[in-house]
Protein backbone atom coordinates (compact mmCIF):
# COMPACT_ATOMS: atom_id res chain seq x y z
CA MET A 1 -30.95 -3.56 -20.92
CA THR A 2 -28.91 -6.62 -21.81
CA LEU A 3 -25.59 -7.40 -20.19
CA LEU A 4 -23.83 -6.16 -23.33
CA GLU A 5 -25.73 -2.87 -23.31
CA ARG A 6 -24.94 -2.33 -19.64
CA ALA A 7 -21.26 -2.99 -20.32
CA LYS A 8 -21.32 -0.52 -23.21
CA ALA A 9 -22.85 2.04 -20.85
CA GLY A 10 -19.85 1.66 -18.54
CA GLU A 11 -21.47 -0.56 -15.89
CA ILE A 12 -19.52 -3.33 -14.23
CA THR A 13 -22.40 -5.75 -13.73
CA PRO A 14 -22.48 -8.45 -11.04
CA GLU A 15 -21.78 -11.00 -13.80
CA ILE A 16 -18.69 -9.13 -14.94
CA GLU A 17 -17.54 -8.74 -11.33
CA ALA A 18 -17.94 -12.47 -10.67
CA VAL A 19 -16.07 -13.50 -13.84
CA ALA A 20 -13.28 -11.00 -13.16
CA GLN A 21 -12.79 -12.42 -9.69
CA ASP A 22 -12.74 -16.01 -10.94
CA GLU A 23 -10.33 -15.22 -13.76
CA HIS A 24 -8.03 -12.86 -11.82
CA VAL A 25 -8.50 -10.03 -14.30
CA ASP A 26 -9.31 -6.36 -13.78
CA PRO A 27 -13.10 -5.81 -13.79
CA GLU A 28 -12.85 -2.64 -15.88
CA LEU A 29 -10.69 -4.38 -18.48
CA LEU A 30 -13.19 -7.22 -18.61
CA ARG A 31 -16.07 -4.75 -19.00
CA GLN A 32 -14.29 -3.21 -21.97
CA ARG A 33 -13.82 -6.60 -23.59
CA VAL A 34 -17.48 -7.49 -23.08
CA ALA A 35 -18.51 -4.12 -24.53
CA ALA A 36 -16.28 -4.74 -27.57
CA GLY A 37 -17.68 -8.24 -28.10
CA ARG A 38 -14.36 -9.97 -27.42
CA VAL A 39 -15.79 -11.66 -24.31
CA VAL A 40 -19.29 -13.06 -23.80
CA ILE A 41 -20.98 -14.08 -20.55
CA PRO A 42 -23.96 -16.25 -21.62
CA LYS A 43 -26.77 -16.03 -19.08
CA ASN A 44 -30.51 -15.95 -19.74
CA VAL A 45 -32.41 -13.30 -17.73
CA SER A 46 -34.48 -16.05 -16.08
CA ARG A 47 -31.57 -18.26 -14.98
CA ARG A 48 -29.66 -18.28 -11.69
CA PHE A 49 -26.18 -19.81 -11.70
CA HIS A 50 -22.58 -18.68 -11.30
CA PRO A 51 -21.70 -16.91 -14.58
CA VAL A 52 -18.73 -17.90 -16.75
CA GLY A 53 -16.94 -15.76 -19.31
CA ILE A 54 -15.73 -16.89 -22.72
CA GLY A 55 -13.17 -14.95 -24.70
CA GLU A 56 -10.00 -12.90 -24.76
CA GLY A 57 -7.66 -13.26 -21.79
CA LEU A 58 -9.84 -15.82 -20.01
CA ARG A 59 -9.42 -19.51 -19.28
CA THR A 60 -10.41 -21.69 -22.25
CA LYS A 61 -13.84 -23.12 -21.50
CA VAL A 62 -15.21 -26.60 -22.25
CA ASN A 63 -18.69 -27.56 -23.42
CA ALA A 64 -20.18 -31.04 -23.24
CA ASN A 65 -22.94 -32.13 -25.60
CA ILE A 66 -25.59 -34.49 -24.28
CA GLY A 67 -29.03 -35.41 -25.57
CA THR A 68 -31.28 -38.12 -26.92
CA SER A 69 -31.83 -39.54 -30.39
CA PRO A 70 -35.01 -40.93 -31.98
CA SER A 71 -33.75 -44.48 -31.35
CA HIS A 72 -32.50 -43.92 -27.79
CA HIS A 73 -34.14 -41.50 -25.37
CA SER A 74 -34.41 -41.43 -21.60
CA VAL A 75 -34.86 -38.36 -19.39
CA ASP A 76 -33.23 -40.12 -16.45
CA GLU A 77 -30.17 -41.08 -18.49
CA GLU A 78 -29.70 -37.52 -19.72
CA LYS A 79 -29.94 -36.23 -16.16
CA LEU A 80 -27.20 -38.69 -15.20
CA LYS A 81 -25.07 -37.46 -18.12
CA LEU A 82 -25.58 -33.90 -16.97
CA GLY A 83 -24.32 -34.83 -13.52
CA VAL A 84 -21.26 -36.55 -14.98
CA CYS A 85 -20.47 -33.50 -17.13
CA VAL A 86 -20.67 -31.11 -14.21
CA ASP A 87 -18.73 -33.45 -11.91
CA ALA A 88 -15.96 -33.78 -14.52
CA GLY A 89 -15.66 -30.00 -14.75
CA ALA A 90 -17.57 -28.94 -17.88
CA ASP A 91 -18.20 -25.18 -17.99
CA SER A 92 -21.26 -25.61 -20.21
CA VAL A 93 -23.68 -28.25 -21.41
CA MET A 94 -25.62 -28.32 -24.66
CA ASP A 95 -28.82 -30.33 -24.94
CA LEU A 96 -28.82 -31.71 -28.48
CA SER A 97 -31.81 -34.00 -28.00
CA THR A 98 -33.64 -35.07 -31.14
CA GLY A 99 -35.83 -37.91 -29.81
CA GLY A 100 -38.48 -38.44 -27.14
CA ASP A 101 -40.38 -35.66 -25.38
CA LEU A 102 -37.90 -32.87 -26.04
CA HIS A 103 -39.81 -30.30 -23.99
CA ALA A 104 -39.84 -32.53 -20.90
CA ILE A 105 -36.18 -33.43 -21.38
CA ARG A 106 -35.18 -29.77 -21.76
CA ARG A 107 -37.16 -28.72 -18.69
CA ALA A 108 -35.64 -31.48 -16.56
CA LEU A 109 -32.11 -30.58 -17.66
CA LEU A 110 -32.54 -26.84 -17.20
CA ASP A 111 -34.03 -27.33 -13.74
CA GLY A 112 -31.00 -29.35 -12.66
CA CYS A 113 -28.23 -27.53 -14.51
CA PRO A 114 -25.78 -25.44 -12.41
CA VAL A 115 -23.82 -24.25 -15.47
CA MET A 116 -24.74 -22.39 -18.65
CA MET A 117 -26.81 -24.39 -21.11
CA GLY A 118 -27.18 -24.13 -24.86
CA ALA A 119 -29.18 -25.90 -27.56
CA VAL A 120 -29.92 -25.93 -31.29
CA PRO A 121 -33.54 -24.74 -31.59
CA ILE A 122 -34.13 -26.27 -35.01
CA TYR A 123 -33.75 -29.76 -33.49
CA ALA A 124 -36.84 -29.27 -31.36
CA LEU A 125 -38.72 -27.88 -34.35
CA ALA A 126 -37.75 -30.97 -36.36
CA ALA A 127 -39.01 -33.22 -33.54
CA ASP A 128 -42.32 -31.34 -33.43
CA LEU A 129 -42.72 -31.76 -37.18
CA ALA A 130 -42.04 -35.47 -36.88
CA ALA A 131 -44.68 -35.76 -34.16
CA GLN A 132 -47.14 -34.09 -36.53
CA LYS A 133 -46.05 -36.50 -39.30
CA ARG A 134 -44.83 -33.60 -41.40
CA GLU A 135 -41.70 -33.47 -43.51
CA LEU A 136 -38.46 -32.32 -41.88
CA ILE A 137 -38.24 -29.20 -44.07
CA ASP A 138 -41.98 -28.50 -44.15
CA PHE A 139 -41.86 -25.65 -41.62
CA THR A 140 -42.82 -22.04 -42.16
CA VAL A 141 -40.70 -19.02 -41.27
CA ASP A 142 -43.12 -18.14 -38.47
CA GLU A 143 -42.90 -21.67 -37.05
CA LEU A 144 -39.11 -21.44 -37.02
CA PHE A 145 -39.06 -18.19 -35.08
CA THR A 146 -41.82 -19.33 -32.75
CA ALA A 147 -39.72 -22.38 -31.85
CA ILE A 148 -36.69 -20.17 -31.23
CA GLU A 149 -38.65 -17.85 -28.95
CA GLN A 150 -40.18 -20.73 -27.00
CA GLN A 151 -36.76 -22.17 -26.30
CA CYS A 152 -35.24 -18.83 -25.33
CA ALA A 153 -38.18 -18.30 -23.00
CA SER A 154 -37.51 -21.71 -21.43
CA GLY A 155 -34.20 -20.42 -20.07
CA LEU A 156 -31.46 -21.31 -22.54
CA ASP A 157 -28.35 -19.17 -22.11
CA TYR A 158 -27.13 -19.49 -25.68
CA ILE A 159 -28.41 -21.01 -28.91
CA THR A 160 -26.70 -22.27 -32.03
CA VAL A 161 -28.31 -20.73 -35.10
CA HIS A 162 -27.11 -21.44 -38.63
CA CYS A 163 -27.43 -17.95 -40.07
CA GLY A 164 -24.45 -18.00 -42.43
CA THR A 165 -25.81 -20.66 -44.78
CA THR A 166 -26.73 -18.26 -47.53
CA ARG A 167 -27.32 -18.73 -51.23
CA SER A 168 -23.89 -17.23 -51.81
CA SER A 169 -22.06 -19.52 -49.37
CA LEU A 170 -23.83 -22.60 -50.75
CA ALA A 171 -22.76 -21.55 -54.25
CA GLN A 172 -19.16 -21.40 -53.07
CA LEU A 173 -19.53 -24.83 -51.47
CA LYS A 174 -20.47 -26.34 -54.83
CA LYS A 175 -17.16 -25.14 -56.27
CA CYS A 176 -15.03 -26.77 -53.60
CA GLY A 177 -15.11 -30.39 -54.68
CA ARG A 178 -15.57 -31.53 -51.11
CA VAL A 179 -15.26 -35.17 -50.09
CA ILE A 180 -18.13 -34.64 -47.63
CA GLY A 181 -20.60 -31.81 -48.22
CA ILE A 182 -22.53 -30.61 -45.15
CA VAL A 183 -22.10 -32.51 -41.88
CA SER A 184 -23.98 -30.03 -39.67
CA ARG A 185 -27.45 -31.38 -38.86
CA GLY A 186 -28.93 -27.93 -38.34
CA GLY A 187 -27.12 -26.53 -41.34
CA GLY A 188 -28.25 -29.44 -43.48
CA ILE A 189 -31.88 -28.81 -42.56
CA ILE A 190 -31.57 -25.13 -43.43
CA ALA A 191 -29.84 -25.87 -46.75
CA ALA A 192 -32.51 -28.43 -47.68
CA TRP A 193 -35.27 -25.94 -46.76
CA MET A 194 -33.65 -23.30 -48.97
CA LYS A 195 -33.42 -25.75 -51.86
CA LYS A 196 -37.05 -26.87 -51.54
CA HIS A 197 -38.51 -23.38 -51.18
CA GLN A 198 -36.05 -21.64 -53.51
CA ALA A 199 -35.60 -18.98 -50.86
CA GLU A 200 -32.88 -17.33 -48.79
CA ASN A 201 -32.07 -18.69 -45.35
CA PRO A 202 -34.75 -17.16 -43.06
CA LEU A 203 -32.26 -16.89 -40.20
CA TYR A 204 -30.15 -14.65 -42.44
CA GLU A 205 -32.92 -12.81 -44.26
CA PHE A 206 -34.81 -12.04 -41.03
CA PHE A 207 -31.79 -11.76 -38.75
CA ASP A 208 -33.25 -8.68 -37.06
CA ARG A 209 -36.21 -10.79 -35.95
CA LEU A 210 -33.76 -13.23 -34.36
CA LEU A 211 -31.97 -10.36 -32.64
CA GLU A 212 -35.23 -9.11 -31.15
CA ILE A 213 -35.86 -12.51 -29.56
CA ALA A 214 -32.31 -12.87 -28.27
CA HIS A 215 -32.41 -9.35 -26.85
CA ARG A 216 -35.68 -10.00 -25.03
CA TYR A 217 -34.21 -12.90 -23.05
CA ASP A 218 -30.54 -11.78 -23.14
CA VAL A 219 -29.62 -15.00 -24.94
CA THR A 220 -26.17 -15.21 -26.51
CA LEU A 221 -26.07 -16.22 -30.18
CA SER A 222 -23.62 -18.95 -31.11
CA LEU A 223 -23.38 -18.38 -34.84
CA GLY A 224 -23.17 -21.92 -36.20
CA ASP A 225 -20.90 -23.02 -39.03
CA SER A 226 -23.11 -25.14 -41.26
CA LEU A 227 -20.29 -25.43 -43.79
CA ARG A 228 -17.63 -26.59 -41.38
CA PRO A 229 -15.43 -29.33 -42.85
CA GLY A 230 -16.41 -32.88 -41.93
CA SER A 231 -13.13 -34.22 -43.30
CA VAL A 232 -9.56 -33.01 -42.92
CA CYS A 233 -9.47 -33.08 -46.73
CA ASP A 234 -12.11 -30.32 -46.86
CA ALA A 235 -10.65 -27.89 -44.31
CA THR A 236 -10.28 -24.15 -44.98
CA ASP A 237 -12.06 -24.21 -48.34
CA ARG A 238 -14.13 -21.58 -50.12
CA GLY A 239 -17.44 -22.61 -48.54
CA GLN A 240 -16.08 -22.50 -44.99
CA ILE A 241 -14.41 -19.10 -45.43
CA GLU A 242 -17.37 -17.56 -47.29
CA GLU A 243 -19.63 -18.54 -44.41
CA LEU A 244 -17.15 -17.20 -41.85
CA ILE A 245 -17.19 -13.80 -43.57
CA VAL A 246 -20.98 -13.74 -43.30
CA LEU A 247 -20.84 -14.74 -39.63
CA GLY A 248 -18.41 -11.90 -38.90
CA ASP A 249 -20.84 -9.41 -40.41
CA LEU A 250 -23.75 -10.86 -38.43
CA ALA A 251 -21.74 -10.74 -35.19
CA ARG A 252 -21.24 -7.00 -35.74
CA ARG A 253 -24.97 -6.53 -36.27
CA ALA A 254 -25.66 -8.49 -33.09
CA ARG A 255 -23.32 -6.32 -31.02
CA GLU A 256 -24.90 -3.17 -32.42
CA ALA A 257 -28.29 -4.52 -31.29
CA GLY A 258 -27.02 -5.25 -27.78
CA VAL A 259 -26.88 -9.02 -28.28
CA GLN A 260 -23.80 -11.07 -27.37
CA ALA A 261 -22.43 -13.37 -30.07
CA MET A 262 -19.71 -15.95 -30.54
CA ILE A 263 -18.54 -17.74 -33.67
CA GLU A 264 -18.52 -21.52 -34.13
CA GLY A 265 -15.53 -23.07 -35.85
CA PRO A 266 -14.48 -26.12 -37.82
CA GLY A 267 -14.52 -29.71 -36.63
CA HIS A 268 -11.96 -31.49 -38.86
CA VAL A 269 -8.70 -29.62 -39.56
CA PRO A 270 -5.15 -30.83 -40.29
CA LEU A 271 -2.71 -29.89 -37.54
CA ASP A 272 -0.85 -27.35 -39.67
CA GLN A 273 -4.04 -25.38 -40.50
CA ILE A 274 -5.51 -25.00 -37.02
CA ALA A 275 -3.66 -21.86 -35.92
CA ALA A 276 -4.43 -20.18 -39.25
CA ASN A 277 -8.14 -20.96 -38.82
CA VAL A 278 -8.13 -19.26 -35.41
CA GLN A 279 -6.27 -16.23 -36.73
CA ILE A 280 -8.64 -15.88 -39.69
CA GLU A 281 -11.68 -15.99 -37.39
CA LYS A 282 -10.24 -13.41 -35.03
CA ARG A 283 -9.40 -11.12 -37.94
CA LEU A 284 -12.69 -11.45 -39.83
CA CYS A 285 -14.91 -11.38 -36.73
CA ASP A 286 -13.25 -8.54 -34.77
CA GLY A 287 -11.95 -10.82 -32.03
CA ALA A 288 -15.31 -12.43 -31.25
CA PRO A 289 -15.02 -15.54 -29.04
CA PHE A 290 -14.25 -18.65 -31.11
CA TYR A 291 -16.05 -21.93 -30.28
CA VAL A 292 -14.54 -24.99 -31.98
CA LEU A 293 -15.62 -28.62 -32.17
CA GLY A 294 -12.36 -30.40 -31.39
CA PRO A 295 -11.01 -29.84 -33.98
CA LEU A 296 -10.13 -33.39 -35.03
CA THR A 297 -6.72 -33.66 -36.67
CA THR A 298 -7.33 -36.96 -38.44
CA ASP A 299 -10.37 -38.92 -39.63
CA ILE A 300 -9.10 -42.47 -39.04
CA ALA A 301 -9.48 -42.86 -35.26
CA PRO A 302 -13.10 -43.91 -34.56
CA GLY A 303 -13.33 -44.98 -30.93
CA TYR A 304 -10.48 -42.63 -30.01
CA ASP A 305 -11.75 -39.33 -31.37
CA HIS A 306 -11.58 -37.78 -27.90
CA ILE A 307 -7.81 -38.07 -28.36
CA THR A 308 -7.72 -36.62 -31.89
CA ALA A 309 -9.96 -33.78 -30.68
CA ALA A 310 -7.74 -33.12 -27.66
CA ILE A 311 -4.70 -32.82 -29.93
CA GLY A 312 -6.47 -30.31 -32.16
CA GLY A 313 -8.13 -28.55 -29.24
CA ALA A 314 -4.80 -27.91 -27.52
CA VAL A 315 -3.38 -26.33 -30.67
CA ALA A 316 -6.54 -24.29 -31.21
CA ALA A 317 -6.65 -23.07 -27.61
CA GLY A 318 -2.96 -22.17 -27.70
CA ALA A 319 -3.60 -20.18 -30.89
CA GLY A 320 -6.45 -18.22 -29.30
CA ALA A 321 -9.63 -20.32 -29.49
CA ASP A 322 -11.82 -19.58 -26.48
CA PHE A 323 -14.32 -22.42 -26.16
CA LEU A 324 -13.81 -26.13 -26.90
CA CYS A 325 -16.71 -28.45 -27.58
CA TYR A 326 -15.75 -31.88 -26.36
CA VAL A 327 -15.65 -34.97 -28.55
CA THR A 328 -16.24 -38.39 -26.98
CA PRO A 329 -14.90 -41.84 -27.92
CA ALA A 330 -18.37 -42.52 -29.36
CA GLU A 331 -18.10 -39.76 -31.98
CA HIS A 332 -19.00 -41.02 -35.49
CA LEU A 333 -20.11 -44.35 -33.99
CA THR A 334 -23.02 -44.08 -31.55
CA LEU A 335 -24.73 -41.99 -28.89
CA PRO A 336 -22.25 -41.55 -25.99
CA ASP A 337 -22.81 -43.30 -22.67
CA LEU A 338 -21.82 -42.06 -19.22
CA LYS A 339 -18.24 -43.29 -19.53
CA ASP A 340 -17.86 -41.66 -22.96
CA VAL A 341 -19.18 -38.37 -21.60
CA ARG A 342 -16.69 -38.29 -18.73
CA GLN A 343 -13.75 -39.18 -20.97
CA GLY A 344 -14.79 -36.50 -23.44
CA VAL A 345 -14.91 -33.78 -20.80
CA ILE A 346 -11.54 -34.72 -19.29
CA ALA A 347 -9.86 -34.91 -22.71
CA ALA A 348 -11.20 -31.46 -23.61
CA LYS A 349 -10.10 -30.02 -20.26
CA ILE A 350 -6.58 -31.35 -20.86
CA ALA A 351 -6.58 -29.61 -24.24
CA ALA A 352 -7.99 -26.38 -22.80
CA HIS A 353 -5.46 -26.23 -19.98
CA SER A 354 -2.57 -27.02 -22.32
CA GLY A 355 -3.67 -24.13 -24.51
CA ASP A 356 -4.00 -21.82 -21.52
CA ILE A 357 -0.39 -22.47 -20.55
CA ALA A 358 0.72 -21.66 -24.10
CA LYS A 359 -1.17 -18.35 -24.23
CA GLY A 360 -0.29 -17.29 -20.70
CA VAL A 361 -3.72 -17.29 -19.09
CA ALA A 362 -3.50 -16.04 -15.51
CA GLY A 363 -3.05 -18.88 -13.03
CA ALA A 364 -2.65 -21.69 -15.59
CA ILE A 365 1.06 -22.49 -15.12
CA GLU A 366 0.80 -22.04 -11.35
CA ARG A 367 -1.32 -25.18 -11.06
CA ASP A 368 1.35 -27.16 -12.91
CA ARG A 369 4.05 -25.65 -10.71
CA ALA A 370 2.13 -26.75 -7.63
CA MET A 371 1.78 -30.25 -9.09
CA SER A 372 5.52 -30.40 -9.72
CA HIS A 373 6.22 -29.43 -6.10
CA ALA A 374 3.83 -32.15 -4.91
CA ARG A 375 5.60 -34.72 -7.08
CA GLN A 376 8.98 -33.61 -5.81
CA GLU A 377 7.71 -34.18 -2.28
CA LEU A 378 5.95 -37.44 -3.23
CA ASN A 379 2.82 -35.89 -1.70
CA TRP A 380 0.17 -38.10 -3.25
CA GLU A 381 -2.86 -36.45 -1.64
CA ARG A 382 -1.77 -33.06 -2.93
CA MET A 383 -1.28 -34.54 -6.41
CA PHE A 384 -4.83 -35.86 -6.38
CA GLU A 385 -6.14 -32.43 -5.34
CA LEU A 386 -4.41 -30.75 -8.28
CA CYS A 387 -5.06 -33.22 -11.10
CA LEU A 388 -7.86 -32.85 -13.64
CA ASP A 389 -9.43 -36.22 -12.79
CA PRO A 390 -8.71 -37.06 -9.14
CA VAL A 391 -11.21 -39.95 -9.19
CA VAL A 392 -9.26 -41.94 -11.77
CA ALA A 393 -5.84 -40.95 -10.42
CA ARG A 394 -6.69 -41.94 -6.86
CA ALA A 395 -8.29 -45.24 -7.93
CA ARG A 396 -5.26 -46.27 -10.02
CA ARG A 397 -2.89 -45.45 -7.17
CA GLN A 398 -4.94 -47.27 -4.54
CA ALA A 399 -5.16 -50.39 -6.71
CA SER A 400 -1.37 -50.72 -6.98
CA GLU A 401 1.02 -52.80 -4.88
CA ASP A 402 2.78 -49.68 -3.60
CA ALA A 403 -0.39 -47.84 -2.60
CA LYS A 404 0.80 -47.51 1.02
CA ASN A 405 4.38 -46.63 0.14
CA ARG A 406 5.89 -43.29 -0.84
CA VAL A 407 6.96 -44.60 -4.24
CA CYS A 408 4.90 -45.99 -7.13
CA THR A 409 5.09 -49.36 -8.89
CA MET A 410 6.71 -47.79 -11.98
CA CYS A 411 10.08 -47.22 -10.26
CA GLY A 412 9.86 -48.66 -6.77
CA GLU A 413 13.30 -48.52 -5.13
CA LEU A 414 14.70 -46.94 -8.31
CA CYS A 415 12.57 -43.81 -7.75
CA ALA A 416 14.60 -40.96 -9.23
CA ILE A 417 13.13 -38.43 -6.81
CA GLU A 418 14.09 -40.48 -3.76
CA THR A 419 17.53 -41.25 -5.21
CA TYR A 420 18.22 -37.58 -5.90
CA ARG A 421 16.97 -36.52 -2.46
CA LYS A 422 19.24 -39.05 -0.74
CA ALA A 423 22.20 -38.01 -2.86
CA MET A 424 21.69 -34.36 -1.93
CA ARG A 425 21.58 -35.34 1.74
CA GLY A 426 24.81 -37.30 1.32
CA GLU A 427 23.20 -40.64 2.17
């Protein structure tokens, strides 16, 4: 039985117990939410790590994407990125490698990963085709599902599969007048395959076959949004919503089959449309966990897209999004380096925590209250313990002229906290 089936049967599994304890929620309530598909706990049957829950009433989680490209690939570098992600506090890592020996890279990352790991199986299939000097969309249906099963068997906890790119949703996309059509790599491959073969999306047409594989390894499906907007000008259009309706239907089929599923959301959305996007997903998908990329609130900040994503991510999390995929300063420009990866994780964690305060997640505001008490006491060590990035905070403090004093170089003798304390003491 899968974790979902055990929850439906009334069992509070060790995974549910662990998540409930971490999140300070009632185990039975959490079991009910898992059984209803409003919370997922991605964990492959072959993997051993501390489980994390994603969904209703839980802390907003953060994923970090790493991985190679055909022009830049190093196993050692990706292992270093993984370490940086985990050290910075990522709850999940996705290996999006498309270049080099993908099987060796995946094995090395899975062996050293202490958090849940996801991937996009069609990337590895594309790399295999390239190695065979075959066209990108020259795969058979059997080859696609064989690749998916091989990767689930390797230990992945969740996979992104672009099942909602149907003939119907692509027809709606053509009517939208988008500035940018499809920006999803996996979705683009599927759409091109459909066009070449004049056939329905195999991941949609043979969805039951996908469910059988996911059930066998208890892999969570992350139902990818091929038609997500790649420009704020294209947000919330017919193509995006048509696909979301399909994904909601497929999520129901997955739950009925005992397979956990979450829904992936848009990447570029104007600030005023973000909350509505979350509400639409929750309504159409029966409260399934919502996994968003950013979203970015403007398209004109290359080099600073971790900031635009953090702005959108905070609004999305506050509105009910459950899982934020980080965006690094390298987005739209180049493959991220170690510094980019760390900045991306921290920016996403700021967004996630800001959202958690807004939606009243248990324990969120208490950390801020503790920080405020530490500031009131000018207790620098306690501040470092509580902050999201103690490494940077401590280094900046220690490099200042007032590092050994109670005050900081911003205010010095004009420190408002010290002035107020003295005034209250009558000094």
